[in-house]
């Protein structure tokens, strides 16, 4: 997987490309990272390859959609006035942010693949091209030479597309004004 840093960066850039601000951009970053909460299952003895294991149901498109809707409804309830986002557009953004997680994980050079189509299909998938260095699991292992290698890989394969997405939206928006 890319690191939490890479996922959050892309979620933030995706939020900015939707021309949202503040809490919605933070929510996009959180939704982009949230699928990796499944690593907590290791503490309960859940095997990596199980549906509840790492890169299982929390990396699925169904989970991304559900998370996007739930987070949009929570934002709508929590925010007031001009900061209150429209639910459908915000849910789409947050679902895309969450779905981006599985997409980037499927581009990595390690792990067991991603259960994109859970609950209909428990098969784990990778994309045919896998240029992203897989991040070590655990904070301690991340702060090593391997962590630096992962960050460099993410800057190219996650950060650059996020920046390009944001820049394309900015250019389009400025031309429309």
C-alpha atoms as a PDB file:
ATOM      1  CA  UNK A   1       0.000   0.000   0.000  1.00  0.00           C
ATOM      2  CA  UNK A   2       1.056   3.574  -0.328  1.00  0.00           C
ATOM      3  CA  UNK A   3       1.512   5.151   3.090  1.00  0.00           C
ATOM      4  CA  UNK A   4      -1.164   7.079   4.936  1.00  0.00           C
ATOM      5  CA  UNK A   5       0.693  10.209   3.802  1.00  0.00           C
ATOM      6  CA  UNK A   6       0.242   9.348   0.119  1.00  0.00           C
ATOM      7  CA  UNK A   7      -3.421   8.426   0.504  1.00  0.00           C
ATOM      8  CA  UNK A   8      -4.183  11.598   2.488  1.00  0.00           C
ATOM      9  CA  UNK A   9      -2.328  13.762  -0.017  1.00  0.00           C
ATOM     10  CA  UNK A  10      -4.342  12.377  -2.919  1.00  0.00           C
ATOM     11  CA  UNK A  11      -7.630  12.693  -0.983  1.00  0.00           C
ATOM     12  CA  UNK A  12      -6.823  16.339  -0.231  1.00  0.00           C
ATOM     13  CA  UNK A  13      -5.937  17.041  -3.870  1.00  0.00           C
ATOM     14  CA  UNK A  14      -9.138  15.351  -4.983  1.00  0.00           C
ATOM     15  CA  UNK A  15     -11.098  17.539  -2.552  1.00  0.00           C
ATOM     16  CA  UNK A  16      -9.376  20.658  -3.840  1.00  0.00           C
ATOM     17  CA  UNK A  17     -10.191  19.619  -7.413  1.00  0.00           C
ATOM     18  CA  UNK A  18     -13.870  19.600  -6.413  1.00  0.00           C
ATOM     19  CA  UNK A  19     -13.374  23.208  -5.251  1.00  0.00           C
ATOM     20  CA  UNK A  20     -14.347  22.490  -1.667  1.00  0.00           C
ATOM     21  CA  UNK A  21     -12.648  23.866   1.423  1.00  0.00           C
ATOM     22  CA  UNK A  22     -11.949  23.249   5.070  1.00  0.00           C
ATOM     23  CA  UNK A  23     -13.740  20.350   6.683  1.00  0.00           C
ATOM     24  CA  UNK A  24     -14.656  18.724   3.369  1.00  0.00           C
ATOM     25  CA  UNK A  25     -11.007  18.565   2.257  1.00  0.00           C
ATOM     26  CA  UNK A  26     -10.071  17.118   5.644  1.00  0.00           C
ATOM     27  CA  UNK A  27     -12.896  14.575   5.273  1.00  0.00           C
ATOM     28  CA  UNK A  28     -11.613  13.627   1.792  1.00  0.00           C
ATOM     29  CA  UNK A  29      -8.136  13.030   3.238  1.00  0.00           C
ATOM     30  CA  UNK A  30      -9.596  10.950   6.092  1.00  0.00           C
ATOM     31  CA  UNK A  31     -11.791   8.911   3.719  1.00  0.00           C
ATOM     32  CA  UNK A  32      -8.768   8.232   1.515  1.00  0.00           C
ATOM     33  CA  UNK A  33      -6.866   6.831   4.511  1.00  0.00           C
ATOM     34  CA  UNK A  34      -9.785   5.101   6.305  1.00  0.00           C
ATOM     35  CA  UNK A  35      -9.656   1.761   4.448  1.00  0.00           C
ATOM     36  CA  UNK A  36      -6.354   0.989   6.191  1.00  0.00           C
ATOM     37  CA  UNK A  37      -8.107   0.875   9.545  1.00  0.00           C
ATOM     38  CA  UNK A  38      -8.469  -2.791   8.646  1.00  0.00           C
ATOM     39  CA  UNK A  39      -4.913  -3.345   9.907  1.00  0.00           C
ATOM     40  CA  UNK A  40      -6.469  -3.325  13.382  1.00  0.00           C
ATOM     41  CA  UNK A  41      -7.881  -6.752  12.490  1.00  0.00           C
ATOM     42  CA  UNK A  42      -4.363  -8.180  12.840  1.00  0.00           C
ATOM     43  CA  UNK A  43      -4.584  -7.451  16.577  1.00  0.00           C
ATOM     44  CA  UNK A  44      -7.654  -9.701  16.756  1.00  0.00           C
ATOM     45  CA  UNK A  45      -6.048 -12.568  14.856  1.00  0.00           C
ATOM     46  CA  UNK A  46      -7.873 -11.955  11.571  1.00  0.00           C
ATOM     47  CA  UNK A  47      -5.728 -13.324   8.732  1.00  0.00           C
ATOM     48  CA  UNK A  48      -4.537 -10.928   6.027  1.00  0.00           C
ATOM     49  CA  UNK A  49      -6.413 -12.787   3.270  1.00  0.00           C
ATOM     50  CA  UNK A  50      -9.772 -12.935   5.080  1.00  0.00           C
ATOM     51  CA  UNK A  51     -12.700 -10.749   3.973  1.00  0.00           C
ATOM     52  CA  UNK A  52     -12.229  -8.749   7.202  1.00  0.00           C
ATOM     53  CA  UNK A  53      -8.440  -8.751   6.770  1.00  0.00           C
ATOM     54  CA  UNK A  54      -6.145  -6.159   5.248  1.00  0.00           C
ATOM     55  CA  UNK A  55      -7.215  -5.016   1.766  1.00  0.00           C
ATOM     56  CA  UNK A  56     -10.486  -6.877   2.205  1.00  0.00           C
ATOM     57  CA  UNK A  57     -13.939  -5.330   2.548  1.00  0.00           C
ATOM     58  CA  UNK A  58     -12.689  -1.888   3.634  1.00  0.00           C
ATOM     59  CA  UNK A  59     -10.920  -1.574   0.277  1.00  0.00           C
ATOM     60  CA  UNK A  60     -14.038  -2.463  -1.734  1.00  0.00           C
ATOM     61  CA  UNK A  61     -16.074  -0.138  -3.909  1.00  0.00           C
ATOM     62  CA  UNK A  62     -19.140  -0.940  -1.767  1.00  0.00           C
ATOM     63  CA  UNK A  63     -17.328   0.238   1.364  1.00  0.00           C
ATOM     64  CA  UNK A  64     -16.135   3.386  -0.442  1.00  0.00           C
ATOM     65  CA  UNK A  65     -19.706   4.233  -1.438  1.00  0.00           C
ATOM     66  CA  UNK A  66     -21.065   3.592   2.062  1.00  0.00           C
ATOM     67  CA  UNK A  67     -18.279   5.577   3.701  1.00  0.00           C
ATOM     68  CA  UNK A  68     -18.766   8.481   1.278  1.00  0.00           C
ATOM     69  CA  UNK A  69     -22.496   8.668   2.000  1.00  0.00           C
ATOM     70  CA  UNK A  70     -22.069   8.325   5.776  1.00  0.00           C
ATOM     71  CA  UNK A  71     -19.295  10.930   5.949  1.00  0.00           C
ATOM     72  CA  UNK A  72     -21.271  13.381   3.777  1.00  0.00           C
ATOM     73  CA  UNK A  73     -24.298  13.027   6.031  1.00  0.00           C
ATOM     74  CA  UNK A  74     -22.139  13.566   9.119  1.00  0.00           C
ATOM     75  CA  UNK A  75     -20.593  16.689   7.590  1.00  0.00           C
ATOM     76  CA  UNK A  76     -24.007  18.000   6.620  1.00  0.00           C
ATOM     77  CA  UNK A  77     -25.234  17.509  10.192  1.00  0.00           C
ATOM     78  CA  UNK A  78     -22.106  18.996  11.783  1.00  0.00           C
ATOM     79  CA  UNK A  79     -21.652  22.098   9.635  1.00  0.00           C
ATOM     80  CA  UNK A  80     -23.873  25.162   9.451  1.00  0.00           C
ATOM     81  CA  UNK A  81     -24.496  28.024   7.053  1.00  0.00           C
ATOM     82  CA  UNK A  82     -22.289  28.480   4.002  1.00  0.00           C
ATOM     83  CA  UNK A  83     -19.938  25.714   5.216  1.00  0.00           C
ATOM     84  CA  UNK A  84     -22.744  23.152   4.947  1.00  0.00           C
ATOM     85  CA  UNK A  85     -21.955  21.030   1.861  1.00  0.00           C
ATOM     86  CA  UNK A  86     -24.516  19.529  -0.535  1.00  0.00           C
ATOM     87  CA  UNK A  87     -24.913  15.840   0.353  1.00  0.00           C
ATOM     88  CA  UNK A  88     -24.893  14.210  -3.104  1.00  0.00           C
ATOM     89  CA  UNK A  89     -21.830  16.050  -4.420  1.00  0.00           C
ATOM     90  CA  UNK A  90     -19.963  15.629  -1.131  1.00  0.00           C
ATOM     91  CA  UNK A  91     -20.843  11.921  -0.952  1.00  0.00           C
ATOM     92  CA  UNK A  92     -19.501  11.459  -4.499  1.00  0.00           C
ATOM     93  CA  UNK A  93     -16.251  13.216  -3.602  1.00  0.00           C
ATOM     94  CA  UNK A  94     -15.763  11.268  -0.375  1.00  0.00           C
ATOM     95  CA  UNK A  95     -16.620   7.947  -2.049  1.00  0.00           C
ATOM     96  CA  UNK A  96     -14.066   8.697  -4.788  1.00  0.00           C
ATOM     97  CA  UNK A  97     -11.485   9.559  -2.129  1.00  0.00           C
ATOM     98  CA  UNK A  98     -12.135   6.245  -0.347  1.00  0.00           C
ATOM     99  CA  UNK A  99     -12.117   4.298  -3.642  1.00  0.00           C
ATOM    100  CA  UNK A 100      -8.798   5.881  -4.609  1.00  0.00           C
ATOM    101  CA  UNK A 101      -7.246   3.982  -1.713  1.00  0.00           C
ATOM    102  CA  UNK A 102      -7.928   0.566  -3.232  1.00  0.00           C
ATOM    103  CA  UNK A 103      -6.894   1.779  -6.670  1.00  0.00           C
ATOM    104  CA  UNK A 104      -3.484   2.947  -5.414  1.00  0.00           C
ATOM    105  CA  UNK A 105      -3.035  -0.227  -3.358  1.00  0.00           C
ATOM    106  CA  UNK A 106      -3.712  -2.284  -6.504  1.00  0.00           C
ATOM    107  CA  UNK A 107      -0.829  -0.419  -8.158  1.00  0.00           C
ATOM    108  CA  UNK A 108       1.686  -1.537  -5.505  1.00  0.00           C
ATOM    109  CA  UNK A 109       4.376  -4.163  -5.885  1.00  0.00           C
ATOM    110  CA  UNK A 110       3.380  -6.213  -2.828  1.00  0.00           C
ATOM    111  CA  UNK A 111       0.602  -7.651  -0.727  1.00  0.00           C
ATOM    112  CA  UNK A 112      -2.320  -9.900  -1.633  1.00  0.00           C
ATOM    113  CA  UNK A 113      -4.325  -7.601  -3.887  1.00  0.00           C
ATOM    114  CA  UNK A 114      -7.546  -5.679  -3.277  1.00  0.00           C
ATOM    115  CA  UNK A 115     -11.084  -7.054  -2.809  1.00  0.00           C
ATOM    116  CA  UNK A 116     -12.676  -4.397  -5.035  1.00  0.00           C
ATOM    117  CA  UNK A 117     -15.943  -6.252  -5.579  1.00  0.00           C
ATOM    118  CA  UNK A 118     -16.648  -7.503  -2.060  1.00  0.00           C
ATOM    119  CA  UNK A 119     -19.315  -8.697  -1.049  1.00  0.00           C
ATOM    120  CA  UNK A 120     -20.116 -10.095  -4.521  1.00  0.00           C
ATOM    121  CA  UNK A 121     -16.606 -11.407  -5.139  1.00  0.00           C
ATOM    122  CA  UNK A 122     -13.896 -12.032  -2.550  1.00  0.00           C
ATOM    123  CA  UNK A 123     -11.127 -12.280  -5.169  1.00  0.00           C
ATOM    124  CA  UNK A 124      -8.141  -9.999  -4.574  1.00  0.00           C
ATOM    125  CA  UNK A 125      -7.012  -7.989  -7.590  1.00  0.00           C
ATOM    126  CA  UNK A 126      -3.943  -6.052  -8.672  1.00  0.00           C
ATOM    127  CA  UNK A 127      -3.802  -3.775 -11.677  1.00  0.00           C
ATOM    128  CA  UNK A 128      -1.615  -5.013 -14.529  1.00  0.00           C
ATOM    129  CA  UNK A 129       0.942  -2.267 -13.948  1.00  0.00           C
ATOM    130  CA  UNK A 130       2.363  -2.024 -10.406  1.00  0.00           C
ATOM    131  CA  UNK A 131       4.881   0.835 -10.122  1.00  0.00           C
ATOM    132  CA  UNK A 132       4.257   1.915  -6.498  1.00  0.00           C
ATOM    133  CA  UNK A 133       6.587   0.575  -3.797  1.00  0.00           C
ATOM    134  CA  UNK A 134       4.520  -1.121  -1.108  1.00  0.00           C
ATOM    135  CA  UNK A 135       4.725   0.597   2.273  1.00  0.00           C
ATOM    136  CA  UNK A 136       5.850  -1.417   5.280  1.00  0.00           C
ATOM    137  CA  UNK A 137       3.108  -2.096   7.803  1.00  0.00           C
ATOM    138  CA  UNK A 138       3.752  -0.387  11.114  1.00  0.00           C
ATOM    139  CA  UNK A 139       5.045   3.039  12.018  1.00  0.00           C
ATOM    140  CA  UNK A 140       8.426   1.817  13.275  1.00  0.00           C
ATOM    141  CA  UNK A 141       9.267   0.065  10.014  1.00  0.00           C
ATOM    142  CA  UNK A 142       8.141   3.051   7.970  1.00  0.00           C
ATOM    143  CA  UNK A 143      10.836   5.346   9.387  1.00  0.00           C
ATOM    144  CA  UNK A 144      13.707   3.525   7.699  1.00  0.00           C
ATOM    145  CA  UNK A 145      15.478   3.553   4.344  1.00  0.00           C
ATOM    146  CA  UNK A 146      12.533   1.519   2.998  1.00  0.00           C
ATOM    147  CA  UNK A 147      10.186   4.293   4.149  1.00  0.00           C
ATOM    148  CA  UNK A 148      12.206   6.871   2.226  1.00  0.00           C
ATOM    149  CA  UNK A 149      12.010   4.660  -0.869  1.00  0.00           C
ATOM    150  CA  UNK A 150       8.226   4.409  -0.451  1.00  0.00           C
ATOM    151  CA  UNK A 151       7.846   8.182  -0.072  1.00  0.00           C
ATOM    152  CA  UNK A 152       9.872   8.769  -3.246  1.00  0.00           C
ATOM    153  CA  UNK A 153       7.704   6.268  -5.110  1.00  0.00           C
ATOM    154  CA  UNK A 154       4.546   7.913  -3.778  1.00  0.00           C
ATOM    155  CA  UNK A 155       5.715  11.383  -4.751  1.00  0.00           C
ATOM    156  CA  UNK A 156       5.912  10.177  -8.341  1.00  0.00           C
ATOM    157  CA  UNK A 157       2.919   7.830  -8.595  1.00  0.00           C
ATOM    158  CA  UNK A 158       0.452   9.321  -6.074  1.00  0.00           C
ATOM    159  CA  UNK A 159       1.534  12.916  -5.433  1.00  0.00           C
ATOM    160  CA  UNK A 160       2.126  13.876  -9.063  1.00  0.00           C
ATOM    161  CA  UNK A 161      -1.312  12.647 -10.245  1.00  0.00           C
ATOM    162  CA  UNK A 162      -2.951  14.424  -7.298  1.00  0.00           C
ATOM    163  CA  UNK A 163      -1.150  17.646  -8.119  1.00  0.00           C
ATOM    164  CA  UNK A 164      -2.007  17.278 -11.821  1.00  0.00           C
ATOM    165  CA  UNK A 165      -5.673  16.730 -10.946  1.00  0.00           C
ATOM    166  CA  UNK A 166      -5.765  19.836  -8.787  1.00  0.00           C
ATOM    167  CA  UNK A 167      -3.888  21.925 -11.380  1.00  0.00           C
ATOM    168  CA  UNK A 168      -6.178  20.800 -14.218  1.00  0.00           C
ATOM    169  CA  UNK A 169      -9.227  21.777 -12.189  1.00  0.00           C
ATOM    170  CA  UNK A 170      -7.684  25.153 -11.317  1.00  0.00           C
ATOM    171  CA  UNK A 171      -6.871  25.898 -14.958  1.00  0.00           C
ATOM    172  CA  UNK A 172     -10.347  24.891 -16.077  1.00  0.00           C
ATOM    173  CA  UNK A 173     -11.957  26.970 -13.344  1.00  0.00           C
ATOM    174  CA  UNK A 174      -9.827  30.043 -14.135  1.00  0.00           C
ATOM    175  CA  UNK A 175     -10.593  29.822 -17.863  1.00  0.00           C
ATOM    176  CA  UNK A 176     -14.316  29.600 -17.096  1.00  0.00           C
ATOM    177  CA  UNK A 177     -14.159  32.822 -15.045  1.00  0.00           C
END
